[in-house]
Structures are given as structure tokens and as C-alpha cells.
N, C-alpha and C. Protein backbone atom coordinates (compact mmCIF):
# COMPACT_ATOMS: atom_id res chain seq x y z
N ASP A 1 0.83 -1.21 0.00
CA ASP A 1 0.00 0.00 0.00
C ASP A 1 0.87 1.26 0.00
N ILE A 2 1.93 1.24 0.82
CA ILE A 2 2.82 2.41 0.88
C ILE A 2 3.48 2.66 -0.47
N MET A 3 3.99 1.61 -1.08
CA MET A 3 4.68 1.78 -2.35
C MET A 3 3.73 2.19 -3.46
N ASP A 4 2.52 1.65 -3.45
CA ASP A 4 1.52 2.06 -4.45
C ASP A 4 1.16 3.54 -4.28
N THR A 5 1.02 3.98 -3.04
CA THR A 5 0.69 5.38 -2.77
C THR A 5 1.81 6.31 -3.22
N VAL A 6 3.04 5.94 -2.88
CA VAL A 6 4.20 6.75 -3.28
C VAL A 6 4.30 6.80 -4.80
N GLY A 7 4.11 5.67 -5.44
CA GLY A 7 4.16 5.63 -6.90
C GLY A 7 3.09 6.49 -7.54
N TRP A 8 1.91 6.49 -6.96
CA TRP A 8 0.82 7.30 -7.49
C TRP A 8 1.11 8.79 -7.36
N LYS A 9 1.72 9.18 -6.23
CA LYS A 9 2.02 10.58 -5.99
C LYS A 9 3.20 11.08 -6.82
N ASN A 10 4.17 10.21 -7.07
CA ASN A 10 5.41 10.64 -7.73
C ASN A 10 5.61 10.04 -9.11
N ASN A 11 4.63 9.33 -9.59
CA ASN A 11 4.65 8.71 -10.92
C ASN A 11 5.59 7.50 -11.00
N SER A 12 6.82 7.64 -10.48
CA SER A 12 7.75 6.52 -10.56
C SER A 12 8.86 6.68 -9.51
N TYR A 13 9.63 5.63 -9.32
CA TYR A 13 10.80 5.68 -8.45
C TYR A 13 11.84 4.74 -9.02
N ASP A 14 13.08 4.94 -8.58
CA ASP A 14 14.21 4.19 -9.15
C ASP A 14 14.54 2.92 -8.38
N ALA A 15 14.18 2.87 -7.12
CA ALA A 15 14.50 1.70 -6.30
C ALA A 15 13.59 1.68 -5.08
N ILE A 16 13.53 0.53 -4.43
CA ILE A 16 12.76 0.37 -3.20
C ILE A 16 13.71 -0.13 -2.12
N GLY A 17 13.73 0.55 -0.98
CA GLY A 17 14.54 0.12 0.15
C GLY A 17 13.64 -0.20 1.33
N ILE A 18 13.81 -1.36 1.91
CA ILE A 18 12.99 -1.80 3.05
C ILE A 18 13.90 -2.21 4.20
N ALA A 19 13.70 -1.63 5.36
CA ALA A 19 14.42 -2.03 6.57
C ALA A 19 13.44 -2.75 7.48
N ILE A 20 13.81 -3.93 7.93
CA ILE A 20 12.88 -4.76 8.70
C ILE A 20 13.65 -5.60 9.71
N SER A 21 13.02 -5.97 10.80
CA SER A 21 13.69 -6.80 11.79
C SER A 21 13.84 -8.23 11.27
N GLY A 22 14.71 -8.98 11.91
CA GLY A 22 14.94 -10.36 11.50
C GLY A 22 16.08 -10.49 10.50
N THR A 23 16.38 -11.74 10.15
CA THR A 23 17.45 -12.03 9.20
C THR A 23 16.93 -11.99 7.78
N VAL A 24 17.67 -11.33 6.89
CA VAL A 24 17.32 -11.27 5.48
C VAL A 24 18.40 -12.00 4.71
N HIS A 25 18.03 -13.07 4.02
CA HIS A 25 19.02 -13.87 3.29
C HIS A 25 18.48 -14.27 1.93
N ASP A 26 19.20 -13.84 0.89
CA ASP A 26 18.80 -14.16 -0.49
C ASP A 26 17.35 -13.79 -0.78
N GLY A 27 16.92 -12.65 -0.27
CA GLY A 27 15.58 -12.16 -0.56
C GLY A 27 14.49 -12.70 0.33
N HIS A 28 14.82 -13.66 1.20
CA HIS A 28 13.85 -14.27 2.10
C HIS A 28 13.97 -13.66 3.49
N LEU A 29 12.86 -13.59 4.20
CA LEU A 29 12.84 -13.02 5.54
C LEU A 29 12.64 -14.12 6.58
N ASP A 30 13.41 -14.02 7.65
CA ASP A 30 13.29 -14.99 8.74
C ASP A 30 12.31 -14.44 9.79
N LEU A 31 11.07 -14.24 9.36
CA LEU A 31 10.02 -13.69 10.23
C LEU A 31 8.74 -14.52 10.05
N PRO A 32 8.76 -15.75 10.53
CA PRO A 32 7.63 -16.66 10.28
C PRO A 32 6.29 -16.17 10.80
N ARG A 33 6.30 -15.30 11.84
CA ARG A 33 5.02 -14.82 12.38
C ARG A 33 4.35 -13.83 11.43
N TYR A 34 5.15 -13.23 10.54
CA TYR A 34 4.62 -12.16 9.71
C TYR A 34 4.57 -12.50 8.22
N ILE A 35 5.51 -13.31 7.75
CA ILE A 35 5.54 -13.62 6.33
C ILE A 35 6.18 -14.99 6.14
N ASP A 36 5.66 -15.74 5.18
CA ASP A 36 6.16 -17.08 4.88
C ASP A 36 7.61 -16.98 4.40
N GLY A 37 8.53 -17.62 5.12
CA GLY A 37 9.94 -17.56 4.76
C GLY A 37 10.26 -18.17 3.41
N ARG A 38 9.32 -18.94 2.86
CA ARG A 38 9.57 -19.52 1.53
C ARG A 38 9.39 -18.49 0.42
N ILE A 39 8.76 -17.37 0.74
CA ILE A 39 8.52 -16.32 -0.25
C ILE A 39 9.78 -15.49 -0.43
N ASN A 40 10.22 -15.34 -1.67
CA ASN A 40 11.34 -14.45 -1.97
C ASN A 40 10.75 -13.06 -2.17
N LEU A 41 10.71 -12.29 -1.09
CA LEU A 41 10.07 -10.98 -1.13
C LEU A 41 10.78 -10.03 -2.08
N LYS A 42 12.08 -10.11 -2.12
CA LYS A 42 12.85 -9.25 -3.02
C LYS A 42 12.45 -9.48 -4.48
N SER A 43 12.45 -10.73 -4.91
CA SER A 43 12.08 -11.05 -6.29
C SER A 43 10.63 -10.69 -6.59
N TYR A 44 9.77 -10.96 -5.62
CA TYR A 44 8.35 -10.66 -5.79
C TYR A 44 8.13 -9.17 -6.06
N LEU A 45 8.75 -8.33 -5.23
CA LEU A 45 8.57 -6.89 -5.38
C LEU A 45 9.26 -6.35 -6.63
N GLU A 46 10.40 -6.92 -6.98
CA GLU A 46 11.08 -6.47 -8.20
C GLU A 46 10.25 -6.80 -9.44
N ASP A 47 9.63 -7.97 -9.45
CA ASP A 47 8.75 -8.33 -10.58
C ASP A 47 7.52 -7.44 -10.61
N LEU A 48 7.02 -7.08 -9.43
CA LEU A 48 5.80 -6.29 -9.34
C LEU A 48 6.02 -4.84 -9.76
N TYR A 49 7.16 -4.26 -9.35
CA TYR A 49 7.38 -2.83 -9.58
C TYR A 49 8.43 -2.52 -10.64
N GLY A 50 9.20 -3.52 -11.04
CA GLY A 50 10.15 -3.31 -12.11
C GLY A 50 11.36 -2.44 -11.75
N VAL A 51 11.68 -2.37 -10.45
CA VAL A 51 12.86 -1.61 -10.01
C VAL A 51 13.63 -2.47 -8.99
N PRO A 52 14.92 -2.15 -8.78
CA PRO A 52 15.69 -2.91 -7.78
C PRO A 52 15.10 -2.75 -6.38
N VAL A 53 15.11 -3.83 -5.61
CA VAL A 53 14.61 -3.82 -4.24
C VAL A 53 15.74 -4.23 -3.30
N VAL A 54 15.95 -3.44 -2.26
CA VAL A 54 17.00 -3.72 -1.28
C VAL A 54 16.33 -3.90 0.09
N ILE A 55 16.43 -5.10 0.64
CA ILE A 55 15.84 -5.40 1.94
C ILE A 55 16.96 -5.61 2.95
N THR A 56 16.92 -4.87 4.05
CA THR A 56 18.01 -4.87 5.01
C THR A 56 17.47 -5.06 6.43
N ASN A 57 18.22 -5.72 7.27
CA ASN A 57 17.89 -5.77 8.69
C ASN A 57 17.90 -4.34 9.24
N ASN A 58 16.89 -3.97 10.01
CA ASN A 58 16.77 -2.58 10.46
C ASN A 58 17.94 -2.11 11.31
N LEU A 59 18.56 -3.00 12.08
CA LEU A 59 19.69 -2.58 12.90
C LEU A 59 20.93 -2.29 12.06
N ARG A 60 21.07 -2.97 10.95
CA ARG A 60 22.18 -2.65 10.06
C ARG A 60 21.98 -1.25 9.47
N GLY A 61 20.73 -0.92 9.21
CA GLY A 61 20.44 0.44 8.78
C GLY A 61 20.75 1.44 9.88
N ALA A 62 20.40 1.11 11.12
CA ALA A 62 20.61 2.03 12.25
C ALA A 62 22.08 2.26 12.52
N VAL A 63 22.89 1.20 12.52
CA VAL A 63 24.31 1.37 12.82
C VAL A 63 25.00 2.16 11.71
N LEU A 64 24.58 1.94 10.47
CA LEU A 64 25.16 2.71 9.37
C LEU A 64 24.70 4.16 9.42
N GLY A 65 23.45 4.38 9.80
CA GLY A 65 22.94 5.73 9.95
C GLY A 65 23.68 6.49 11.03
N PHE A 66 23.96 5.81 12.16
CA PHE A 66 24.72 6.44 13.24
C PHE A 66 26.12 6.79 12.77
N TYR A 67 26.75 5.86 12.06
CA TYR A 67 28.10 6.09 11.56
C TYR A 67 28.15 7.28 10.61
N ALA A 68 27.15 7.39 9.75
CA ALA A 68 27.14 8.42 8.71
C ALA A 68 26.97 9.83 9.26
N GLN A 69 26.36 9.96 10.43
CA GLN A 69 26.07 11.30 10.95
C GLN A 69 27.14 11.81 11.92
N GLN A 70 28.25 11.09 12.03
CA GLN A 70 29.32 11.52 12.93
C GLN A 70 30.68 11.17 12.30
N ASP A 71 31.75 11.69 12.84
CA ASP A 71 33.07 11.38 12.29
C ASP A 71 34.08 11.02 13.39
N LYS A 72 33.57 10.55 14.53
CA LYS A 72 34.43 10.21 15.66
C LYS A 72 34.74 8.72 15.72
N TYR A 73 33.75 7.87 15.42
CA TYR A 73 33.90 6.43 15.59
C TYR A 73 33.88 5.69 14.25
N ARG A 74 34.71 4.63 14.18
CA ARG A 74 34.71 3.76 13.00
C ARG A 74 34.41 2.31 13.36
N ASN A 75 34.34 2.03 14.65
CA ASN A 75 34.05 0.67 15.12
C ASN A 75 32.88 0.74 16.10
N ILE A 76 31.72 0.30 15.63
CA ILE A 76 30.46 0.55 16.35
C ILE A 76 29.64 -0.74 16.46
N VAL A 77 29.03 -0.94 17.61
CA VAL A 77 28.03 -1.99 17.79
C VAL A 77 26.72 -1.31 18.15
N PHE A 78 25.63 -1.78 17.57
CA PHE A 78 24.31 -1.22 17.87
C PHE A 78 23.46 -2.34 18.46
N ASN A 79 23.10 -2.19 19.73
CA ASN A 79 22.31 -3.20 20.44
C ASN A 79 20.88 -2.68 20.62
N SER A 80 19.91 -3.48 20.27
CA SER A 80 18.51 -3.06 20.37
C SER A 80 17.70 -4.07 21.16
N LYS A 81 16.96 -3.57 22.14
CA LYS A 81 16.07 -4.41 22.94
C LYS A 81 14.68 -3.79 22.92
N PRO A 82 13.80 -4.25 22.03
CA PRO A 82 12.44 -3.69 21.98
C PRO A 82 11.75 -3.81 23.33
N LYS A 83 10.99 -2.81 23.69
CA LYS A 83 10.33 -2.77 24.99
C LYS A 83 9.40 -3.97 25.17
N GLY A 84 9.63 -4.70 26.26
CA GLY A 84 8.78 -5.84 26.57
C GLY A 84 9.29 -7.17 26.08
N TYR A 85 10.49 -7.21 25.51
CA TYR A 85 11.02 -8.46 24.97
C TYR A 85 12.37 -8.78 25.60
N THR A 86 12.67 -10.07 25.75
CA THR A 86 13.99 -10.47 26.22
C THR A 86 14.97 -10.54 25.06
N VAL A 87 14.47 -10.65 23.85
CA VAL A 87 15.33 -10.79 22.68
C VAL A 87 15.22 -9.57 21.78
N GLY A 88 16.34 -9.12 21.31
CA GLY A 88 16.36 -8.00 20.36
C GLY A 88 17.32 -8.33 19.24
N GLY A 89 18.14 -7.36 18.89
CA GLY A 89 19.08 -7.58 17.81
C GLY A 89 20.36 -6.80 18.02
N GLN A 90 21.29 -7.02 17.12
CA GLN A 90 22.57 -6.34 17.23
C GLN A 90 23.19 -6.23 15.85
N ALA A 91 23.84 -5.11 15.58
CA ALA A 91 24.53 -4.90 14.32
C ALA A 91 25.94 -4.43 14.59
N ILE A 92 26.84 -4.75 13.68
CA ILE A 92 28.26 -4.48 13.88
C ILE A 92 28.83 -3.74 12.68
N LEU A 93 29.60 -2.71 12.96
CA LEU A 93 30.29 -1.96 11.91
C LEU A 93 31.76 -1.83 12.34
N ILE A 94 32.67 -2.34 11.51
CA ILE A 94 34.09 -2.34 11.82
C ILE A 94 34.85 -1.59 10.73
N ASP A 95 35.68 -0.66 11.16
CA ASP A 95 36.48 0.15 10.24
C ASP A 95 35.60 0.79 9.16
N GLY A 96 34.42 1.23 9.60
CA GLY A 96 33.51 1.93 8.70
C GLY A 96 32.71 1.04 7.76
N LYS A 97 32.78 -0.29 7.96
CA LYS A 97 32.08 -1.21 7.07
C LYS A 97 31.16 -2.13 7.86
N LEU A 98 29.96 -2.35 7.33
CA LEU A 98 29.01 -3.27 7.96
C LEU A 98 29.55 -4.69 7.93
N ILE A 99 29.36 -5.41 9.02
CA ILE A 99 29.71 -6.83 9.08
C ILE A 99 28.41 -7.62 8.96
N ASN A 100 28.27 -8.32 7.85
CA ASN A 100 27.04 -9.07 7.61
C ASN A 100 27.20 -10.57 7.87
N GLY A 101 28.38 -11.11 7.58
CA GLY A 101 28.58 -12.54 7.71
C GLY A 101 28.12 -13.28 6.46
N ALA A 102 28.28 -14.59 6.48
CA ALA A 102 27.96 -15.41 5.32
C ALA A 102 26.47 -15.46 5.00
N HIS A 103 25.62 -15.30 6.02
CA HIS A 103 24.17 -15.41 5.84
C HIS A 103 23.42 -14.19 6.34
N ASN A 104 24.10 -13.05 6.44
CA ASN A 104 23.48 -11.81 6.93
C ASN A 104 22.94 -11.94 8.36
N MET A 105 23.59 -12.76 9.17
CA MET A 105 23.10 -12.94 10.54
C MET A 105 24.17 -12.65 11.59
N ALA A 106 25.23 -11.96 11.21
CA ALA A 106 26.27 -11.59 12.17
C ALA A 106 25.67 -10.72 13.28
N GLY A 107 25.91 -11.11 14.53
CA GLY A 107 25.41 -10.35 15.66
C GLY A 107 24.03 -10.74 16.12
N GLU A 108 23.40 -11.73 15.50
CA GLU A 108 22.04 -12.12 15.88
C GLU A 108 22.00 -12.64 17.32
N ILE A 109 21.46 -11.85 18.21
CA ILE A 109 21.47 -12.15 19.63
C ILE A 109 20.66 -13.40 19.97
N ARG A 110 19.63 -13.68 19.21
CA ARG A 110 18.77 -14.82 19.57
C ARG A 110 19.51 -16.15 19.49
N TYR A 111 20.70 -16.16 18.87
CA TYR A 111 21.48 -17.38 18.79
C TYR A 111 22.61 -17.41 19.81
N PHE A 112 22.69 -16.38 20.67
CA PHE A 112 23.72 -16.33 21.69
C PHE A 112 23.44 -17.36 22.78
N ALA A 113 24.50 -17.89 23.38
CA ALA A 113 24.37 -18.90 24.44
C ALA A 113 23.51 -18.44 25.62
N PRO A 114 23.60 -17.16 26.08
CA PRO A 114 22.79 -16.75 27.25
C PRO A 114 21.29 -16.97 27.08
N LEU A 115 20.80 -17.06 25.84
CA LEU A 115 19.38 -17.28 25.64
C LEU A 115 18.92 -18.60 26.23
N GLU A 116 19.83 -19.55 26.30
CA GLU A 116 19.48 -20.84 26.88
C GLU A 116 19.09 -20.69 28.35
N GLU A 117 19.61 -19.62 28.96
CA GLU A 117 19.31 -19.39 30.38
C GLU A 117 18.04 -18.58 30.58
N TYR A 118 17.89 -17.46 29.82
CA TYR A 118 16.73 -16.60 30.10
C TYR A 118 15.61 -16.71 29.07
N GLY A 119 15.83 -17.48 28.01
CA GLY A 119 14.76 -17.79 27.08
C GLY A 119 14.25 -16.61 26.25
N ILE A 120 13.29 -16.91 25.41
CA ILE A 120 12.66 -15.90 24.56
C ILE A 120 11.24 -15.71 25.07
N GLN A 121 10.96 -14.56 25.65
CA GLN A 121 9.64 -14.33 26.25
C GLN A 121 9.39 -12.84 26.43
N ASP A 122 8.12 -12.51 26.68
CA ASP A 122 7.78 -11.13 27.01
C ASP A 122 8.31 -10.83 28.41
N CYS A 123 8.80 -9.60 28.59
CA CYS A 123 9.36 -9.26 29.89
C CYS A 123 9.38 -7.75 30.08
N PHE A 124 8.85 -7.30 31.23
CA PHE A 124 8.89 -5.89 31.60
C PHE A 124 9.61 -5.69 32.93
N ASP A 125 10.34 -6.72 33.36
CA ASP A 125 11.12 -6.66 34.59
C ASP A 125 12.40 -5.89 34.31
N VAL A 126 12.51 -4.67 34.83
CA VAL A 126 13.64 -3.80 34.53
C VAL A 126 14.97 -4.44 34.94
N ASP A 127 15.02 -5.05 36.11
CA ASP A 127 16.27 -5.66 36.57
C ASP A 127 16.70 -6.81 35.66
N ARG A 128 15.73 -7.58 35.21
CA ARG A 128 16.04 -8.70 34.31
C ARG A 128 16.53 -8.19 32.96
N ILE A 129 15.88 -7.18 32.44
CA ILE A 129 16.31 -6.62 31.15
C ILE A 129 17.69 -5.98 31.28
N LEU A 130 17.95 -5.33 32.40
CA LEU A 130 19.28 -4.76 32.64
C LEU A 130 20.34 -5.84 32.60
N GLU A 131 20.05 -6.97 33.22
CA GLU A 131 21.00 -8.08 33.23
C GLU A 131 21.23 -8.62 31.81
N ILE A 132 20.14 -8.76 31.06
CA ILE A 132 20.24 -9.30 29.70
C ILE A 132 21.02 -8.35 28.79
N VAL A 133 20.65 -7.08 28.81
CA VAL A 133 21.34 -6.10 27.96
C VAL A 133 22.81 -6.03 28.32
N SER A 134 23.12 -6.04 29.61
CA SER A 134 24.51 -5.96 30.05
C SER A 134 25.32 -7.17 29.56
N ARG A 135 24.71 -8.34 29.59
CA ARG A 135 25.40 -9.54 29.10
C ARG A 135 25.66 -9.44 27.59
N GLU A 136 24.67 -8.97 26.87
CA GLU A 136 24.83 -8.86 25.42
C GLU A 136 25.90 -7.84 25.06
N VAL A 137 25.89 -6.71 25.74
CA VAL A 137 26.89 -5.68 25.50
C VAL A 137 28.28 -6.19 25.88
N ARG A 138 28.35 -6.91 26.99
CA ARG A 138 29.64 -7.47 27.42
C ARG A 138 30.18 -8.46 26.38
N SER A 139 29.29 -9.27 25.83
CA SER A 139 29.70 -10.21 24.79
C SER A 139 30.23 -9.47 23.56
N ALA A 140 29.55 -8.39 23.20
CA ALA A 140 29.99 -7.60 22.04
C ALA A 140 31.37 -7.01 22.27
N ILE A 141 31.63 -6.57 23.49
CA ILE A 141 32.95 -6.00 23.81
C ILE A 141 34.02 -7.08 23.66
N GLY A 142 33.74 -8.27 24.18
CA GLY A 142 34.71 -9.35 24.11
C GLY A 142 35.00 -9.82 22.70
N VAL A 143 33.99 -9.78 21.83
CA VAL A 143 34.16 -10.29 20.47
C VAL A 143 34.65 -9.21 19.51
N VAL A 144 34.11 -8.00 19.64
CA VAL A 144 34.36 -6.95 18.65
C VAL A 144 35.31 -5.86 19.14
N ASP A 145 35.31 -5.58 20.44
CA ASP A 145 36.12 -4.50 21.02
C ASP A 145 35.84 -3.16 20.32
N PRO A 146 34.57 -2.71 20.31
CA PRO A 146 34.21 -1.49 19.60
C PRO A 146 34.62 -0.23 20.36
N GLU A 147 34.61 0.89 19.66
CA GLU A 147 34.86 2.19 20.29
C GLU A 147 33.62 2.68 21.02
N VAL A 148 32.46 2.32 20.51
CA VAL A 148 31.20 2.78 21.09
C VAL A 148 30.13 1.73 20.86
N ILE A 149 29.21 1.63 21.81
CA ILE A 149 28.05 0.77 21.66
C ILE A 149 26.80 1.61 21.84
N CYS A 150 25.96 1.62 20.82
CA CYS A 150 24.67 2.30 20.90
C CYS A 150 23.66 1.32 21.49
N VAL A 151 22.88 1.78 22.44
CA VAL A 151 21.91 0.91 23.10
C VAL A 151 20.52 1.51 22.97
N ARG A 152 19.64 0.76 22.33
CA ARG A 152 18.24 1.16 22.26
C ARG A 152 17.46 0.19 23.15
N SER A 153 17.13 0.65 24.35
CA SER A 153 16.39 -0.18 25.30
C SER A 153 15.62 0.75 26.22
N GLU A 154 14.34 0.90 25.96
CA GLU A 154 13.53 1.86 26.72
C GLU A 154 13.45 1.53 28.20
N LEU A 155 13.57 0.26 28.55
CA LEU A 155 13.48 -0.13 29.96
C LEU A 155 14.79 0.08 30.71
N THR A 156 15.89 0.27 29.97
CA THR A 156 17.19 0.48 30.63
C THR A 156 17.92 1.65 29.97
N PRO A 157 17.39 2.86 30.08
CA PRO A 157 18.02 4.01 29.42
C PRO A 157 19.25 4.55 30.14
N ASN A 158 19.50 4.10 31.38
CA ASN A 158 20.63 4.60 32.16
C ASN A 158 21.90 3.82 31.78
N MET A 159 22.76 4.45 30.99
CA MET A 159 23.97 3.78 30.53
C MET A 159 24.97 3.54 31.65
N GLN A 160 24.92 4.35 32.70
CA GLN A 160 25.83 4.17 33.82
C GLN A 160 25.56 2.85 34.54
N LYS A 161 24.29 2.49 34.67
CA LYS A 161 23.94 1.22 35.31
C LYS A 161 24.45 0.04 34.48
N ILE A 162 24.32 0.14 33.17
CA ILE A 162 24.84 -0.92 32.31
C ILE A 162 26.35 -0.99 32.43
N ARG A 163 26.99 0.16 32.45
CA ARG A 163 28.44 0.22 32.59
C ARG A 163 28.90 -0.45 33.89
N GLU A 164 28.18 -0.19 34.96
CA GLU A 164 28.54 -0.78 36.26
C GLU A 164 28.39 -2.30 36.24
N LYS A 165 27.36 -2.79 35.57
CA LYS A 165 27.17 -4.25 35.46
C LYS A 165 28.30 -4.88 34.65
N ILE A 166 28.68 -4.21 33.56
CA ILE A 166 29.76 -4.73 32.71
C ILE A 166 31.07 -4.73 33.47
N ALA A 167 31.28 -3.69 34.29
CA ALA A 167 32.54 -3.55 35.03
C ALA A 167 32.73 -4.65 36.07
N GLU A 168 31.68 -5.42 36.36
CA GLU A 168 31.82 -6.54 37.28
C GLU A 168 32.66 -7.65 36.65
N ARG A 169 32.74 -7.67 35.32
CA ARG A 169 33.46 -8.73 34.61
C ARG A 169 34.59 -8.20 33.71
N ILE A 170 34.47 -6.96 33.25
CA ILE A 170 35.45 -6.41 32.32
C ILE A 170 36.10 -5.17 32.93
N PRO A 171 37.43 -5.08 32.89
CA PRO A 171 38.10 -3.89 33.43
C PRO A 171 37.58 -2.61 32.78
N GLU A 172 37.46 -1.58 33.57
CA GLU A 172 36.90 -0.30 33.10
C GLU A 172 37.62 0.22 31.86
N LYS A 173 38.92 0.03 31.77
CA LYS A 173 39.69 0.57 30.64
C LYS A 173 39.29 -0.04 29.30
N TYR A 174 38.62 -1.20 29.33
CA TYR A 174 38.21 -1.86 28.10
C TYR A 174 36.76 -1.59 27.73
N ILE A 175 36.04 -0.90 28.58
CA ILE A 175 34.62 -0.63 28.31
C ILE A 175 34.49 0.59 27.41
N PRO A 176 33.85 0.45 26.25
CA PRO A 176 33.73 1.57 25.33
C PRO A 176 32.67 2.57 25.79
N GLU A 177 32.54 3.64 25.07
CA GLU A 177 31.47 4.59 25.36
C GLU A 177 30.13 3.93 25.07
N LEU A 178 29.16 4.18 25.94
CA LEU A 178 27.81 3.65 25.75
C LEU A 178 26.88 4.84 25.50
N ILE A 179 26.11 4.78 24.43
CA ILE A 179 25.22 5.87 24.06
C ILE A 179 23.79 5.36 23.98
N TYR A 180 22.90 6.00 24.72
CA TYR A 180 21.48 5.61 24.66
C TYR A 180 20.82 6.22 23.43
N ILE A 181 20.06 5.40 22.72
CA ILE A 181 19.33 5.83 21.53
C ILE A 181 17.84 5.75 21.83
N ASP A 182 17.15 6.88 21.78
CA ASP A 182 15.71 6.86 22.08
C ASP A 182 14.92 6.40 20.86
N PRO A 183 13.65 6.02 21.02
CA PRO A 183 12.86 5.45 19.93
C PRO A 183 12.78 6.33 18.68
N ASP A 184 12.60 7.63 18.85
CA ASP A 184 12.52 8.51 17.68
C ASP A 184 13.84 8.57 16.93
N GLN A 185 14.92 8.69 17.66
CA GLN A 185 16.24 8.72 17.03
C GLN A 185 16.53 7.40 16.32
N PHE A 186 16.08 6.31 16.93
CA PHE A 186 16.27 4.98 16.34
C PHE A 186 15.65 4.91 14.95
N GLN A 187 14.42 5.39 14.81
CA GLN A 187 13.74 5.37 13.52
C GLN A 187 14.46 6.25 12.50
N GLU A 188 14.94 7.41 12.94
CA GLU A 188 15.66 8.30 12.03
C GLU A 188 16.96 7.68 11.53
N LEU A 189 17.66 6.98 12.43
CA LEU A 189 18.91 6.33 12.03
C LEU A 189 18.66 5.20 11.05
N ILE A 190 17.60 4.43 11.27
CA ILE A 190 17.24 3.36 10.33
C ILE A 190 16.97 3.93 8.95
N LEU A 191 16.19 5.00 8.89
CA LEU A 191 15.85 5.61 7.62
C LEU A 191 17.10 6.09 6.88
N LEU A 192 17.97 6.79 7.60
CA LEU A 192 19.20 7.30 6.99
C LEU A 192 20.07 6.15 6.48
N GLY A 193 20.26 5.15 7.33
CA GLY A 193 21.10 4.02 6.93
C GLY A 193 20.53 3.25 5.75
N GLN A 194 19.21 3.04 5.74
CA GLN A 194 18.60 2.31 4.65
C GLN A 194 18.69 3.09 3.34
N MET A 195 18.57 4.40 3.42
CA MET A 195 18.73 5.23 2.22
C MET A 195 20.14 5.07 1.65
N ILE A 196 21.14 5.07 2.53
CA ILE A 196 22.53 4.91 2.07
C ILE A 196 22.74 3.55 1.42
N ILE A 197 22.25 2.51 2.10
CA ILE A 197 22.41 1.14 1.58
C ILE A 197 21.73 1.00 0.22
N THR A 198 20.52 1.53 0.11
CA THR A 198 19.77 1.42 -1.14
C THR A 198 20.47 2.17 -2.27
N LEU A 199 20.94 3.37 -2.01
CA LEU A 199 21.65 4.15 -3.03
C LEU A 199 22.94 3.46 -3.47
N GLU A 200 23.65 2.86 -2.51
CA GLU A 200 24.87 2.15 -2.86
C GLU A 200 24.58 0.94 -3.76
N GLU A 201 23.53 0.21 -3.43
CA GLU A 201 23.16 -0.94 -4.26
C GLU A 201 22.69 -0.51 -5.64
N LEU A 202 22.02 0.64 -5.71
CA LEU A 202 21.55 1.16 -6.98
C LEU A 202 22.74 1.55 -7.86
N GLU A 203 23.76 2.14 -7.27
CA GLU A 203 24.96 2.52 -8.02
C GLU A 203 25.69 1.28 -8.55
N LYS A 204 25.72 0.21 -7.72
CA LYS A 204 26.37 -1.02 -8.17
C LYS A 204 25.66 -1.61 -9.38
N SER A 205 24.33 -1.56 -9.34
CA SER A 205 23.56 -2.17 -10.44
C SER A 205 23.66 -1.37 -11.74
N ASN A 206 24.03 -0.09 -11.60
CA ASN A 206 24.17 0.75 -12.79
C ASN A 206 25.61 0.72 -13.33
């Protein structure tokens, strides 16, 4: 509906960029609750609209958007914990480049070992979410050693508390800067990052 409306208002467009949660691999989405994973959404939309379609995990868009609007950091992790959930996502950017992995699932928190302990469930317990986010951030530090970690978690907006939890296991000198990202800023970063990704893919195809 959105694309049909935009097309009607502007007559045509050169490409379609979609940022969405979950893993995107070869045009398929790993979101069984919302769309059949057997459907190649990328091919379907390209056949329907006749333009290139770029589908990206929303956190990859967010981390790239954050990187693009500043010139201080080149090694960034973006951790996201949607309000009310124990599971979120994570994106990694190293030396100014997105890390996607072989199947576009690099950083996927739902496959981390700690999930075996706290599971996948709805949760509004602030202390529990603080523990989960702190563990995920600590894991990112150990694996990636970033300069900064962006944290989008409405239930745990106090970065000092997360820092203190991390400091229980990691020396303070190794803890990067932690920046809280509010919901509105999160959406703006996704949009910016997805625009960049889509334009880059469009240039490659031309």
C-alpha cells in the first residue's frame, strides 16, 4: 500500500529500500510470524514494480545511519532491545564497514548462548532486562572490542547502570562509550542508513 501510494504521488521511483527486523538472506525473511519464509520478497517486489529492491535488517540500517552522521567512531556496535522483549538484535560496523557474515546474521542475539538461560519471552522486569542487555553488550565487547556501543532499550536508558554491570566482569579501561538511543532517534537512524544502503546498491547495479 505504501509503495503504491508513493508511486501514485510521484509517478515513478528508481529503487525500493525496506528495513525490517529479522534475518534477510537471499531475498527471504526470517520472520515466520509475519511472512512465509519460503517467499522471496525481493524477487516478488522487483517483478511487481520493475525496479531494484533492497531489503536490510533494520539494525544494520541504524548502525550505518549512526556512523554516517558523525566522524568520531569507526568501530560501532548497535544493540537493540524492543520494549517488553527479552530478545532483540545487534549490528556491527568495523572500520567503517558493515559486518554481515555469510548469511546476513552476524550479531544475531537470539542465537547467543545466554538465551538458553533466560529464554525468549515477554518481559517488563527492569532488573532482568538490565542483566540481559549488560550480558549482550559485554559479549559484544569481548568479540568486537568497539569504540562505542549504541543501546536502544527503553526499559534500561541509564547507561551508567549498564556500565557498572559490565565492570563486574570487564576492566573499566576496556569498556567503550555507551550511548542511549531513544525510539525517535532509532527510527531516524534506520531511515538514513537504509537510504545509504539502497543508493549504494543502486549505483552497483548501474
